């Protein structure tokens, strides 16, 4: 039997696990600064939940969902994204009636999409997302944009481009779609776009194959109602006042059907100079109402894939996690000292010190080499002679200084050095 992880997945360990954990900690901290609260939803949900909300013509639903059948032939899917499960939870648990509006939620967790694995795009991936539900305000939209923008800056990504667009939700939307269809009818499109032009023309603009053909396509923000135009202009005006640079991108529609108004992305350039999307989101004011016609709560949010962020950080030489360092490595010189080391380690760790020792019965030289590889700040040396005198030898690895310390003073000496 060949042991091999499933295609499109990865094992995360040691340095990579530390980087992922460090990124998650930063995300939690900045979300807390913006008064967002964590939500955790199940990894699998009913299939209909996503088919109904995301749209049957989206790539996620038509191609990319991991589908499951339980023993009663009920259809489930591994969650492909986090917004829809969050909305389901808000409605089912009536969060809108339990907490202050707007609900400001964030999630961190695994998502699953059955697509061809690529560098930075796996079938199982980790995603951070925010959802703000219950209020429609251009200032709130700006806050959500700033959260994502400041987050990328905070982790060290300086070359970030913010792109904005606004999808009309008014009576002029059919006029725009008609104009777009007429434009597309004169273009040679890929097979996917030929299907999309019939079922969901806006999705054609999201095509990565024919993307360059749409430069002269009708611009959706030119079809905005006066109210929509004012709202979108207000967002731009606030961003300008805050000195946040942005670009208008009339081809930006995002890949999900539930977006209704503002859509945005933040991109950077990869090593080959190609555009790489780091996060994306927008406003989805009708999604909750589609699930429950008695509820009318507008919403806005964004999501970002953590693997892509970590790869981008690595390419820029940015590390988030501190290097592994031990406070203490205990070197034993005898069998009796080895027994004592167990009690000593318990004492050290109980006082918040990171400590370890040798378990391979190696010689002193090998133990010292291990302490160096583990970057131990201090080495405690103990043998039969030290046990008789109730002392240990503590060596500071940085200075090379070594001195004897009574058992009862070990913690004081080490904590003083740590401070």
Protein backbone atom coordinates (compact mmCIF):
# COMPACT_ATOMS: atom_id res chain seq x y z
CA UNK A 1 0.00 0.00 0.00
CA UNK A 2 1.40 3.36 -1.07
CA UNK A 3 0.91 6.08 1.53
CA UNK A 4 0.14 9.35 -0.23
CA UNK A 5 -1.97 12.38 0.60
CA UNK A 6 -4.96 13.06 -1.68
CA UNK A 7 -4.28 15.15 -4.79
CA UNK A 8 -4.70 18.85 -4.14
CA UNK A 9 -3.96 18.67 -0.43
CA UNK A 10 -0.82 19.31 1.57
CA UNK A 11 0.73 18.45 4.91
CA UNK A 12 1.62 21.53 6.93
CA UNK A 13 4.33 21.08 9.54
CA UNK A 14 7.20 22.73 11.41
CA UNK A 15 8.14 26.10 9.81
CA UNK A 16 5.12 26.20 7.49
CA UNK A 17 2.75 25.41 10.34
CA UNK A 18 4.32 28.19 12.40
CA UNK A 19 3.89 30.68 9.54
CA UNK A 20 0.25 29.69 9.10
CA UNK A 21 -0.39 29.99 12.84
CA UNK A 22 1.35 33.38 12.97
CA UNK A 23 -0.78 34.64 10.07
CA UNK A 24 -3.96 33.38 11.73
CA UNK A 25 -2.98 35.17 14.95
CA UNK A 26 -2.45 38.46 13.09
CA UNK A 27 -5.81 38.03 11.35
CA UNK A 28 -7.58 37.42 14.66
CA UNK A 29 -5.90 40.42 16.25
CA UNK A 30 -6.79 42.90 13.51
CA UNK A 31 -10.34 41.52 13.29
CA UNK A 32 -10.65 42.13 17.03
CA UNK A 33 -9.41 45.71 16.59
CA UNK A 34 -12.29 46.29 14.17
CA UNK A 35 -14.71 44.68 16.69
CA UNK A 36 -15.35 41.57 14.57
CA UNK A 37 -16.40 38.34 16.26
CA UNK A 38 -15.51 34.81 15.21
CA UNK A 39 -18.01 32.35 13.76
CA UNK A 40 -17.32 28.68 13.08
CA UNK A 41 -19.63 26.71 10.81
CA UNK A 42 -19.60 23.00 9.87
CA UNK A 43 -17.15 21.83 7.23
CA UNK A 44 -20.02 20.22 5.29
CA UNK A 45 -23.43 21.66 4.48
CA UNK A 46 -26.48 20.72 2.45
CA UNK A 47 -25.84 20.89 -1.30
CA UNK A 48 -28.96 22.97 -1.99
CA UNK A 49 -27.61 25.75 0.21
CA UNK A 50 -24.86 26.55 -2.27
CA UNK A 51 -26.75 25.75 -5.46
CA UNK A 52 -29.48 28.20 -4.46
CA UNK A 53 -27.24 31.03 -3.30
CA UNK A 54 -24.06 30.93 -5.41
CA UNK A 55 -25.75 30.20 -8.73
CA UNK A 56 -25.87 27.10 -10.92
CA UNK A 57 -23.75 28.71 -13.63
CA UNK A 58 -20.82 29.60 -11.39
CA UNK A 59 -17.72 27.43 -11.65
CA UNK A 60 -18.03 26.56 -7.96
CA UNK A 61 -21.42 24.92 -8.35
CA UNK A 62 -21.08 23.55 -11.87
CA UNK A 63 -17.56 22.15 -11.57
CA UNK A 64 -15.87 22.49 -8.21
CA UNK A 65 -17.97 21.17 -5.32
CA UNK A 66 -16.98 18.04 -3.41
CA UNK A 67 -20.31 16.22 -3.14
CA UNK A 68 -21.22 13.66 -0.47
CA UNK A 69 -24.10 11.27 0.08
CA UNK A 70 -24.96 10.07 3.57
CA UNK A 71 -26.50 6.68 4.35
CA UNK A 72 -29.97 8.08 3.67
CA UNK A 73 -28.93 9.38 0.22
CA UNK A 74 -29.06 13.00 1.37
CA UNK A 75 -26.78 15.34 -0.58
CA UNK A 76 -24.08 17.32 1.19
CA UNK A 77 -20.99 19.18 0.03
CA UNK A 78 -17.74 20.15 1.66
CA UNK A 79 -18.05 23.92 2.01
CA UNK A 80 -16.47 25.70 -0.98
CA UNK A 81 -16.63 29.18 0.58
CA UNK A 82 -17.56 30.84 3.87
CA UNK A 83 -20.21 33.48 3.16
CA UNK A 84 -23.17 31.18 2.53
CA UNK A 85 -22.62 29.02 5.66
CA UNK A 86 -22.31 32.22 7.69
CA UNK A 87 -25.61 33.52 6.30
CA UNK A 88 -27.26 30.17 7.00
CA UNK A 89 -26.05 30.34 10.60
CA UNK A 90 -27.25 33.93 11.04
CA UNK A 91 -30.75 32.97 9.91
CA UNK A 92 -30.96 29.63 11.71
CA UNK A 93 -29.66 30.98 15.01
CA UNK A 94 -31.44 34.34 14.68
CA UNK A 95 -28.20 36.20 15.38
CA UNK A 96 -29.79 39.39 14.05
CA UNK A 97 -32.06 39.41 17.12
CA UNK A 98 -29.44 38.46 19.69
CA UNK A 99 -26.58 40.85 19.00
CA UNK A 100 -25.99 44.47 18.10
CA UNK A 101 -26.40 45.38 14.44
CA UNK A 102 -24.50 45.34 12.27
CA UNK A 103 -23.29 41.82 12.93
CA UNK A 104 -19.53 41.92 12.37
CA UNK A 105 -18.27 38.38 11.89
CA UNK A 106 -15.07 36.70 10.73
CA UNK A 107 -14.11 33.10 10.08
CA UNK A 108 -10.92 31.14 9.55
CA UNK A 109 -11.14 27.58 8.27
CA UNK A 110 -10.71 24.99 5.55
CA UNK A 111 -12.63 25.22 2.27
CA UNK A 112 -12.79 22.64 -0.51
CA UNK A 113 -12.99 23.01 -4.29
CA UNK A 114 -12.60 20.26 -6.84
CA UNK A 115 -10.39 22.01 -9.37
CA UNK A 116 -7.06 21.33 -11.00
CA UNK A 117 -4.45 21.88 -8.28
CA UNK A 118 -2.10 24.76 -8.99
CA UNK A 119 0.62 26.58 -7.14
CA UNK A 120 -1.24 28.37 -4.35
CA UNK A 121 -4.62 26.89 -5.34
CA UNK A 122 -5.32 23.58 -3.65
CA UNK A 123 -8.45 21.46 -3.37
CA UNK A 124 -8.35 21.91 0.39
CA UNK A 125 -7.28 25.40 1.38
CA UNK A 126 -7.56 27.77 4.33
CA UNK A 127 -9.58 30.95 4.07
CA UNK A 128 -10.10 34.05 6.18
CA UNK A 129 -13.29 36.00 5.60
CA UNK A 130 -15.36 38.81 7.06
CA UNK A 131 -19.11 39.39 6.86
CA UNK A 132 -20.91 42.53 8.04
CA UNK A 133 -24.69 42.07 8.14
CA UNK A 134 -27.65 44.30 8.93
CA UNK A 135 -26.70 47.79 7.68
CA UNK A 136 -26.10 49.36 4.28
CA UNK A 137 -23.69 52.26 4.56
CA UNK A 138 -20.89 53.42 2.28
CA UNK A 139 -18.85 54.15 5.43
CA UNK A 140 -19.26 50.52 6.45
CA UNK A 141 -18.14 49.42 3.00
CA UNK A 142 -15.04 51.59 3.39
CA UNK A 143 -14.36 50.05 6.80
CA UNK A 144 -14.45 46.56 5.32
CA UNK A 145 -12.11 47.63 2.51
CA UNK A 146 -9.76 49.25 5.03
CA UNK A 147 -9.69 46.09 7.13
CA UNK A 148 -8.45 44.09 4.16
CA UNK A 149 -6.10 46.82 2.94
CA UNK A 150 -4.53 47.47 6.33
CA UNK A 151 -4.22 43.75 6.96
CA UNK A 152 -2.12 43.25 3.82
CA UNK A 153 0.03 46.25 4.75
CA UNK A 154 0.44 44.98 8.30
CA UNK A 155 1.93 41.67 7.18
CA UNK A 156 4.39 43.50 4.94
CA UNK A 157 2.79 43.49 1.47
CA UNK A 158 3.35 47.04 0.26
CA UNK A 159 2.71 46.70 -3.48
CA UNK A 160 -1.05 46.18 -3.30
CA UNK A 161 -3.56 47.51 -5.83
CA UNK A 162 -7.17 48.08 -4.74
CA UNK A 163 -9.70 47.67 -7.56
CA UNK A 164 -13.34 48.76 -7.37
CA UNK A 165 -16.46 48.33 -9.43
CA UNK A 166 -20.19 48.69 -8.83
CA UNK A 167 -22.78 46.26 -10.20
CA UNK A 168 -26.09 47.91 -10.90
CA UNK A 169 -29.06 46.38 -9.15
CA UNK A 170 -31.61 48.78 -10.63
CA UNK A 171 -34.03 48.65 -13.58
CA UNK A 172 -31.13 49.50 -15.90
CA UNK A 173 -29.47 46.15 -15.28
CA UNK A 174 -31.37 44.45 -18.18
CA UNK A 175 -30.26 47.30 -20.47
CA UNK A 176 -26.65 46.74 -19.52
CA UNK A 177 -26.93 42.98 -20.03
CA UNK A 178 -28.46 43.55 -23.48
CA UNK A 179 -25.62 45.91 -24.42
CA UNK A 180 -23.05 43.44 -23.09
CA UNK A 181 -24.59 40.56 -25.05
CA UNK A 182 -24.48 42.62 -28.22
CA UNK A 183 -20.81 43.42 -27.66
CA UNK A 184 -19.95 39.79 -26.88
CA UNK A 185 -21.78 38.51 -29.95
CA UNK A 186 -19.00 40.03 -32.07
CA UNK A 187 -16.21 38.37 -30.08
CA UNK A 188 -14.76 34.87 -30.43
CA UNK A 189 -15.14 33.38 -26.95
CA UNK A 190 -14.01 30.23 -25.13
CA UNK A 191 -16.46 27.36 -24.58
CA UNK A 192 -17.18 28.37 -20.98
CA UNK A 193 -18.01 31.93 -22.03
CA UNK A 194 -20.34 30.70 -24.76
CA UNK A 195 -22.33 28.96 -22.03
CA UNK A 196 -22.17 31.91 -19.66
CA UNK A 197 -23.34 34.43 -22.25
CA UNK A 198 -26.68 32.61 -22.34
CA UNK A 199 -27.16 31.97 -18.62
CA UNK A 200 -25.20 34.73 -16.89
CA UNK A 201 -23.49 37.26 -19.19
CA UNK A 202 -21.80 39.13 -16.32
CA UNK A 203 -19.77 36.02 -15.57
CA UNK A 204 -18.14 36.28 -19.00
CA UNK A 205 -16.21 39.32 -17.77
CA UNK A 206 -14.67 37.14 -15.06
CA UNK A 207 -13.10 34.81 -17.65
CA UNK A 208 -9.35 34.46 -17.32
CA UNK A 209 -8.92 33.22 -20.91
CA UNK A 210 -10.73 36.00 -22.79
CA UNK A 211 -10.10 38.71 -20.20
CA UNK A 212 -8.15 41.01 -22.56
CA UNK A 213 -10.98 41.05 -25.12
CA UNK A 214 -13.29 43.00 -22.82
CA UNK A 215 -11.41 46.31 -22.63
CA UNK A 216 -13.99 48.01 -24.86
CA UNK A 217 -16.98 46.20 -23.35
CA UNK A 218 -19.85 48.34 -22.00
CA UNK A 219 -19.04 49.58 -18.52
CA UNK A 220 -21.57 48.53 -15.91
CA UNK A 221 -20.97 51.56 -13.69
CA UNK A 222 -22.26 53.74 -16.53
CA UNK A 223 -25.66 52.08 -16.07
CA UNK A 224 -25.97 52.84 -12.37
CA UNK A 225 -29.09 54.54 -11.09
CA UNK A 226 -28.57 58.02 -9.59
CA UNK A 227 -28.79 56.54 -6.09
CA UNK A 228 -26.27 53.81 -6.94
CA UNK A 229 -23.91 56.29 -8.56
CA UNK A 230 -24.04 58.56 -5.51
CA UNK A 231 -23.40 55.63 -3.20
CA UNK A 232 -20.41 54.46 -5.26
CA UNK A 233 -19.02 57.99 -5.53
CA UNK A 234 -19.28 58.38 -1.75
CA UNK A 235 -17.10 55.29 -1.30
CA UNK A 236 -14.51 56.72 -3.68
CA UNK A 237 -14.59 60.14 -2.00
CA UNK A 238 -13.93 58.66 1.45
CA UNK A 239 -11.08 56.53 0.12
CA UNK A 240 -9.58 59.61 -1.51
CA UNK A 241 -9.83 61.57 1.74
CA UNK A 242 -8.10 58.74 3.56
CA UNK A 243 -5.36 58.68 0.88
CA UNK A 244 -6.12 55.06 -0.04
CA UNK A 245 -5.21 54.61 -3.73
CA UNK A 246 -7.59 52.62 -5.94
CA UNK A 247 -8.44 51.85 -9.54
CA UNK A 248 -11.83 51.49 -11.21
CA UNK A 249 -12.10 48.20 -13.11
CA UNK A 250 -15.31 47.85 -15.13
CA UNK A 251 -14.49 44.19 -15.84
CA UNK A 252 -14.48 43.30 -12.15
CA UNK A 253 -17.60 41.27 -11.34
CA UNK A 254 -16.31 38.56 -8.99
CA UNK A 255 -17.23 34.92 -9.52
CA UNK A 256 -20.35 34.57 -7.38
CA UNK A 257 -23.91 35.43 -8.33
CA UNK A 258 -24.95 36.96 -5.02
CA UNK A 259 -22.99 40.23 -5.39
CA UNK A 260 -25.31 43.19 -6.00
CA UNK A 261 -23.47 46.50 -5.66
CA UNK A 262 -19.87 47.26 -4.64
CA UNK A 263 -17.28 44.65 -5.62
CA UNK A 264 -13.57 44.95 -4.94
CA UNK A 265 -10.29 43.08 -5.16
CA UNK A 266 -6.78 43.64 -3.88
CA UNK A 267 -4.03 42.40 -6.15
CA UNK A 268 -0.28 42.29 -6.42
CA UNK A 269 2.20 41.15 -9.06
CA UNK A 270 3.90 37.76 -9.01
CA UNK A 271 7.50 37.09 -10.00
CA UNK A 272 6.58 37.07 -13.70
CA UNK A 273 4.74 40.38 -13.45
CA UNK A 274 1.32 38.73 -13.68
CA UNK A 275 -1.56 39.97 -11.57
CA UNK A 276 -2.34 37.92 -8.50
CA UNK A 277 -5.55 38.41 -6.51
CA UNK A 278 -4.95 38.38 -2.75
CA UNK A 279 -8.49 39.04 -1.54
CA UNK A 280 -11.86 39.91 -2.96
CA UNK A 281 -15.36 40.72 -1.87
CA UNK A 282 -18.28 43.06 -2.13
CA UNK A 283 -21.85 43.78 -1.13
CA UNK A 284 -24.59 41.14 -1.25
CA UNK A 285 -27.79 42.82 -0.11
CA UNK A 286 -30.37 40.22 -1.19
CA UNK A 287 -28.82 36.93 -0.11
CA UNK A 288 -30.47 36.73 3.31
CA UNK A 289 -33.81 37.74 1.83
CA UNK A 290 -33.53 34.97 -0.75
CA UNK A 291 -33.33 32.41 2.05
CA UNK A 292 -36.01 34.04 4.22
CA UNK A 293 -38.38 36.53 2.56
CA UNK A 294 -39.32 37.96 5.97
CA UNK A 295 -35.76 39.15 6.55
CA UNK A 296 -34.14 42.07 4.78
CA UNK A 297 -30.59 42.47 6.02
CA UNK A 298 -28.00 43.89 3.60
CA UNK A 299 -24.43 42.64 3.91
CA UNK A 300 -20.85 43.17 2.76
CA UNK A 301 -17.67 41.15 3.19
CA UNK A 302 -14.49 39.71 1.68
CA UNK A 303 -12.41 36.55 1.73
CA UNK A 304 -8.76 35.66 1.22
CA UNK A 305 -6.89 32.40 0.73
CA UNK A 306 -4.16 31.97 3.33
CA UNK A 307 -1.94 29.69 1.23
CA UNK A 308 -1.69 32.32 -1.50
CA UNK A 309 -0.87 34.98 1.09
CA UNK A 310 1.86 32.82 2.61
CA UNK A 311 3.39 32.07 -0.81
CA UNK A 312 3.39 35.78 -1.63
CA UNK A 313 5.04 36.58 1.69
CA UNK A 314 7.70 33.91 1.09
CA UNK A 315 8.47 35.31 -2.38
CA UNK A 316 8.96 38.72 -0.79
CA UNK A 317 11.24 37.28 1.89
CA UNK A 318 8.77 38.06 4.67
CA UNK A 319 8.49 35.79 7.72
CA UNK A 320 5.73 36.26 10.27
CA UNK A 321 6.74 33.67 12.85
CA UNK A 322 9.66 34.10 15.20
CA UNK A 323 12.41 31.50 15.02
CA UNK A 324 12.12 28.49 17.29
CA UNK A 325 14.25 29.02 20.37
CA UNK A 326 14.46 27.09 23.60
CA UNK A 327 14.87 28.94 26.85
CA UNK A 328 16.65 25.95 28.34
CA UNK A 329 18.17 22.66 27.19
CA UNK A 330 18.99 20.21 29.98
CA UNK A 331 22.17 18.17 29.48
CA UNK A 332 22.49 15.12 31.69
CA UNK A 333 25.79 13.47 32.61
CA UNK A 334 24.53 10.36 34.40
CA UNK A 335 21.56 8.02 34.77
CA UNK A 336 20.60 9.52 38.16
CA UNK A 337 20.68 12.98 36.58
CA UNK A 338 18.34 11.74 33.86
CA UNK A 339 15.67 10.94 36.45
CA UNK A 340 16.11 14.34 38.05
CA UNK A 341 15.84 16.03 34.65
CA UNK A 342 12.18 14.97 34.38
CA UNK A 343 11.31 16.85 37.58
CA UNK A 344 13.43 19.80 36.52
CA UNK A 345 11.70 20.02 33.13
CA UNK A 346 8.32 20.00 34.83
CA UNK A 347 9.44 22.86 37.06
CA UNK A 348 10.83 24.87 34.14
CA UNK A 349 7.74 24.44 31.97
CA UNK A 350 5.39 25.19 34.86
CA UNK A 351 7.08 28.57 35.12
CA UNK A 352 6.52 29.38 31.45
CA UNK A 353 9.95 28.41 30.14
CA UNK A 354 10.37 26.49 26.88
CA UNK A 355 12.58 23.54 27.81
CA UNK A 356 13.73 20.19 26.44
CA UNK A 357 16.36 17.49 26.94
CA UNK A 358 17.93 14.47 25.27
CA UNK A 359 16.04 11.15 25.17
CA UNK A 360 18.46 9.18 23.00
CA UNK A 361 21.07 8.54 25.74
CA UNK A 362 23.69 10.41 23.70
CA UNK A 363 27.00 11.66 24.93
CA UNK A 364 27.70 15.15 26.22
CA UNK A 365 29.12 16.40 22.91
CA UNK A 366 26.03 15.25 20.99
CA UNK A 367 23.74 16.85 23.58
CA UNK A 368 25.56 20.17 23.22
CA UNK A 369 25.15 19.98 19.45
CA UNK A 370 21.41 19.39 19.89
CA UNK A 371 21.19 22.45 22.14
CA UNK A 372 22.84 24.50 19.39
CA UNK A 373 20.54 23.18 16.65
CA UNK A 374 17.54 23.97 18.84
CA UNK A 375 18.93 27.47 19.48
CA UNK A 376 18.77 27.09 23.25
CA UNK A 377 19.48 30.34 25.08
CA UNK A 378 20.69 28.49 28.15
CA UNK A 379 22.05 25.05 28.91
CA UNK A 380 21.60 23.37 32.28
CA UNK A 381 24.26 20.75 32.99
CA UNK A 382 23.64 18.20 35.73
CA UNK A 383 25.46 15.06 36.79
CA UNK A 384 26.15 13.06 39.94
CA UNK A 385 28.47 15.71 41.37
CA UNK A 386 25.88 18.43 40.91
CA UNK A 387 23.18 16.26 42.50
CA UNK A 388 25.33 15.77 45.60
CA UNK A 389 25.77 19.51 46.00
CA UNK A 390 22.13 20.37 45.13
CA UNK A 391 23.29 22.59 42.28
CA UNK A 392 23.22 22.73 38.51
CA UNK A 393 25.52 24.46 36.09
CA UNK A 394 23.81 27.05 33.91
CA UNK A 395 25.61 28.15 30.76
CA UNK A 396 24.47 31.20 28.81
CA UNK A 397 24.96 30.21 25.17
CA UNK A 398 25.27 33.80 23.95
CA UNK A 399 28.00 34.87 26.40
CA UNK A 400 29.54 31.48 27.11
CA UNK A 401 29.49 32.24 30.83
CA UNK A 402 28.82 29.29 33.14
CA UNK A 403 28.08 29.29 36.86
CA UNK A 404 26.67 27.04 39.56
CA UNK A 405 23.17 27.71 40.84
CA UNK A 406 21.36 26.20 43.81
CA UNK A 407 18.23 24.18 42.97
CA UNK A 408 15.91 26.67 44.65
CA UNK A 409 17.34 29.58 42.64
CA UNK A 410 17.21 28.02 39.14
CA UNK A 411 13.95 29.68 38.16
CA UNK A 412 14.96 33.11 39.49
CA UNK A 413 18.22 33.06 37.57
CA UNK A 414 16.60 31.94 34.29
CA UNK A 415 13.65 34.31 34.55
CA UNK A 416 16.01 37.20 35.27
CA UNK A 417 17.95 36.37 32.16
CA UNK A 418 14.72 36.04 30.13
CA UNK A 419 13.56 39.49 31.21
